[in-house]
Structures are given as structure tokens and as C-alpha cells.
């Protein structure tokens, strides 16, 4: 058996037949086509997934072609603005020689007057050497993109043919054979998300240098598309990457002997890549500025407040992503959490900033109102120099100032709002509990849920900062990265090398403080942070009910289900009967959101005396108890109601263990009728996972508090506890008690990288060039 922490090979029940590297997929005789022999299943499944997510061949073709056209337009239009426009004439700084132009005298300058004739424009371009150089570089890049797009279209035409011919043939006539007994859901996820799972694990263990402590600014997170592209180029698919192909790590990285030499070589590659980025910095920076200007200038003019809107940051998408979560699954989950996160962030208001904003809005609005009245009275006022500029700037100032003025009807309830966010994002640091109203918590949340203006600024700074990170910050992590890929890579027969965290095995990567005590054998350095293994396991099991987890993971899920039933057996008020659910949800919200709101409202109502107290604990029912009640109701049908068959009941002898009531607590009858079977299952699984996330976080907090109390009381208190005849406190809490007190939690970063010397995104497509 391989030593713990070393690269290992996981054998399947049936070893692969000879020639595995030559033939991975085949179809039955008589149906041979271009997919008869597929040597790269990763590409095959990834392209099938992207083909589905991008709405078919026509949409993909138009998207790629318009991307090429956009690049041509940006380059051509920018060259025209630089070399073919007489700005002195356009701005009326120099009188136009109308007699030479052969045009009648008129009072105003027109656009054609400021545009140079084509021969003169061509001479202006040829006279500028740096413009010729930039145009040549742009032409080379465009031709490269053109070839890549054409090759991509040819490959996706084959996928289209596969969709049309193969997937419409009944499975008994068209069988696909892989060198395993059967192709499981996890195998397909591994092939599509092989590299993304590694990235999610490295962010979870705080291995990548994306968090910095800056003077004046404090802790900041910097992860942009440019930096992400360079990291993927360096680690996964570049010429000097750690992988020798798309499914196998290079053999030398699987051995501990040459780790120092490999780390030095990787550090040199990082520096060289950083220097290359530094040389290309002017070109990339010019492109970033031009693209941002053409993309956002009109939007900012039309909707100045759009810069104040928020979006999930690229770092947030990696921090919040489960292992084995596809792009559309992640996007759907974060989209559900957008409104709760916005409500939470908007609940913070600075009184001083609000006073300043009100006065800025008053003075700027007063001047703007006078200018608007003057232009309405006489439109010639617009011809006065800089009047239109003043109107635009004042409008922007008023809009920006009003965004800092809080709504006078806002109710300050940060803890409940943050719980609503947790229901959808599923992850948050321990020290956020009980500190939702603090500025530090809001600042860390802003790193995950950033302003669009911050996103644009980071992307504009990326060409400058990315080379510095690659040259100075990343080489120091080279040895850790080499060790990470050796320690956390396993070979699965028929799949290849994958990140071991993606196996969702509680035994090897569970965390004792996340309900895995007694189920895990993982050392501190091999435990996923923030319950990533347990929550990812739960989400994948809910999304794929027929998947067979590893033995320890299956036992973990079974015990968790029993615990839910035990907590739900306590006296409670039915979730659907909770008053005050509308306090936390809009009337127009979907049924799952309303249900979650009723669960989150339970602690408030209990504390106010509106709900009964739990008999076993002598204190108000907590969020964990409410969530357990609803989860238990979802696991069994309502009395007198028929069971709905699962989506996979058409298979011979196959039935899912998940039973859905016809009139569940989750969806109304009209809602059920409006949804397709797959959409219904997805919506139920999503809400069920939200409830599990709340429940597991509550139990995690209770367990931590119990451990802190036991450590504070010392061994004497433990002896008294046993002597009194009380049962030994379980490793996983079984009650549904509310938090006993908001004790100060140990300050922890977002993640944590525990090594021997230490006491932790749009539909993204894998780059191929």
C-alpha cells in the first residue's frame, strides 16, 4: 500500500484490458462513425457539455465568428481614431479651409470635415512605426484565433453529428463501452473538471498567492482572468506544465525524490513566464483599456449606477465552488444567492458617508436642475462649450451619491441576512458566525461579492500586476505546489490522474469538526478546509441520487440522515406554518426561497416567544431544528399522497431512493405542473442542499462550542459529566439546540494551508492554445 501523502493508483474492480491507451470508447458494430475511436475522453465529454451549455452548433458558430469580428472592429476603429481624424477641426480649434475643400461656406463643422481622405489616412498610418508594429501583432493573433475557431467548429460539428445520430438511437442499439464495468456520474465529472478540481483544492488550501496584506488597504484578494490564464498555462496545459497530457501527471512529479529539483525548475519557469508577461504588458494593457472602453463607456453613460452593482468575484467562484460542480451548476447556485448577498451588503451604511452623500446629491442636483431647465427653455444652450460635459458629470455625481444613501425603510438584521446568503453559497468562515454586523465580515464578503467597478479596475491592472506576482510571489510556493500535486493526485483506472479531493472520500479528506469524527483518517494537512469535502459530498449525492459513494462517505451520509430524523422528531411547529416568513422573503419569491425564509425566521420567532421551546433542551428551537424538520419532511411523502417516480425510473429495475411528494412543502401544485421532471428534481435538490448547508453549519458551530466549553472546564468537568450518568458527548452533535452563546471564534483565514512547518468562472472553457 502506498504511503500516506504519496501518489497512488486506485484500481477498479476489473482492470483495464490491453490497449487502454489506444481505445477508450467504442460503439457497436454497424454504427461506426467519427466517434468510433476516441483517444481523449476528457475532450469528448467536455465538448459534449459545452455543446449543450452553449445551445448548439449555430449559437457556438455565431459566437466565435462575432468574437473575431469584434477583434477586427476594435483594431480597425482604434486605428481610424488615431490616424484618420483631424481633432483640431473637430473641436473647432483650427478654422477649416473651405475653399480648398470645394464646399460652400456654412456655420458648423460636420463629421466629414474632420475625417482625412483615404490616401492621407494611409500615409499617416505608414508614417507611424509603432502603429505598424501593433497592427502586425494584431494580424498574427487574429490569424491564430481564426485557425483555432475553424478547428473548433470542425470538432463541434462532429459533436453535433453525435447528438443527432447517436443520442437519438435507443440505448440497446447504441451502447458505449468504457474500460470499467460502467461509466459513473463521478467519472464524467472527473473528466470535465479534472483541472478545475485541482484549482478549487489549491484555493481551499490557500496554496495560490492571491491574498495580500497591503499598507493602507489592508487584506486584499487579487485573482483576475489574466492571472488565472497564466496559472493554468503554467500548471496544466502549457509546454512546461506539470501534466504530460490532459489526463496524466508527468512521472517525475509522482516521486518524492526529485522534489527539490522539480521545484527549482518550476520556479524558473514561473519567472520566465512572468518576464514574458512583462514584455507583452504594453500590448495587453492597451487591449484591456480599449476593450473596457468600448464595452462599458455606453453602459456607464446610460446607467451610471451599473458600476455600483455587484458580481461574484473570480476568487469567490473558486472559494465557493464545490468539488465536481459543473459551470452551469455553480452559476445557478450563485445566481440564487445574488439577491440575498446584495441585501446583506446593502444593509451596511456609514452615517458619516450618508451625510456627505446627501449634501453632494443636493448641490450637484441643484446645478443639474438649472442646466436642464435652461436647455428646455432654449436648446442652443447645449452648444455652449462643456455644457453637455457638465450635465453628464453632474448626473454621474448625483447617481453615485444616491447609492451611498441608505433606504430609510431598511431593517437592520445582518445575522439573518447572512444566514440567507449561506443557504445558497454553502460556505463561510467560522468567525463570521455572530459577527455578521461587523465591518470586517462585510469586508471579507466583499472579496467574494465585489463591485463591478472593482472588477473592471482589477482587470485593467492585471497586465501590470500579473507579471509581478509570477516573478516575486509565486516562485516561493513552487515547492508547495510540487508537493501538493504529488500528495493529492491519485490515478483512477479508466479515468487517469485526478485530484484526490474530487473523490469525495471522507476517509481521506474529511474534517473531524465537520461531522466526520470517527469517519476520517486524514491528518491535518490532508483535511479540506471549511467542510469542503462534506458539503461537496452532500451536494453531489443530492444531484446524482443513483451514484454510489465510497464506503466511509456512504456511512457518513447515512448517519447524517439519521441525525436529521432524530432532530426532526423533537416537538416543533411545522415549517409551513411558521408566521413571519415574509419578513425575510419577497412575496414574489419562488417557493424554495420562501421555505428557506421560514426556516431562517425560526430563531427570531423563538426568541420573541412566538414558537414553543424544545422540550429536550429547554431553549428556543434553532435554525438546525427547523432545517431538520423540513429535510425530514422531504425524505418521505405526505400521508395519503402518491409517490412521484424519479427521473430515472424508466431504466429496467432502477429506482431512485429519493421520493418526492405530489404536494411537497417545497413546491405548490401549480408550480409542480409548470416544471418539467428534470427541472423539478433540480429545484428540489437545490433547496434540499441549501437546507443541508444551514443544518451542517449549525451543527459545526455547536460542536465547536461544546469543544471550547470542555477545554475551558478542564478534565474535572469531564469527569463530573461522566460520573453524573450523562452520556458521553458525541463526536457529532445530535440536538437541535440554538447557539448557546456568541462566543468569540478563533480568527481564521478563508481557507488554510497546513504544512509540516505550520501549527488552509460566464461559462469558463478550458484553454487549449
Foldseek 3Di string as FASTA:
>chain_A
DDDALFAAADEAPAFFDPPQQFAFKAKDPPPDDPVRGDNAVLVVLQLLVVCVVQPHLVSLLVVLVVVLVVLVCLLVVVLQVVQFFQVCVVVVVDDQPCVVVVDDDDDDDDRVSGTHDPVRSVVRCVVDPVSVVLVVVSVVVSVVSVVVSVVVSVVSVVVVVCVVPPVVDDCVNIPMDGRHPDQDPLLSLCSNCQPLLVLLQCLWAVLAPQWDQDPPVGIAGADAPVLVVVVCCQAAFHPNHQAPDNFAGPVVLSDPVCLVVQLVVSLVVLLVSLVVLLVCLVVLLVVLVSVCCVVCVVVCLVPVCLLQQKAFDPSLLSLLDFQSAAPVRSVVLVVVLRVLLVLLLLLDADPVLQVVLVVLLVVLVVVLVVLVVVCVVPVCVVVPPCSVVSNSVSVSSNSVSVSRHHDPPDDRDQQLSVLLSCLRSLFDDPQCVVVRPDPVRSVVVCSRMPGNNVNSVSSSCCSVVSSVCSNPPPSVSSSVVSSQQRSQWYQYRSRHIGGNLSLLQCQAANDLLQQCVVLYPHDPQRHRPRRSSVLSLLLVCLLPVVDDHPPSNVVSVVVVLVLLVLLLPWDWDQLLPQPPLCVQPPPPDALLSSSVSSLSCQVVCQVVVNIDDTPVPRGGFHSLSNLSNLLVQQQDEDPPFDWDFAPPVVPVPDGGSGTGYCDGSRHHNVRVVVDDRSRVSVVVSSSNSSSVSSNSSQQSLVLVVVVVVDVVVDPVVVVVCVVVVHDDQDSTHRYRDGDPDSDRDDDDDSFHRDDPVDVTHVRDDDDDD
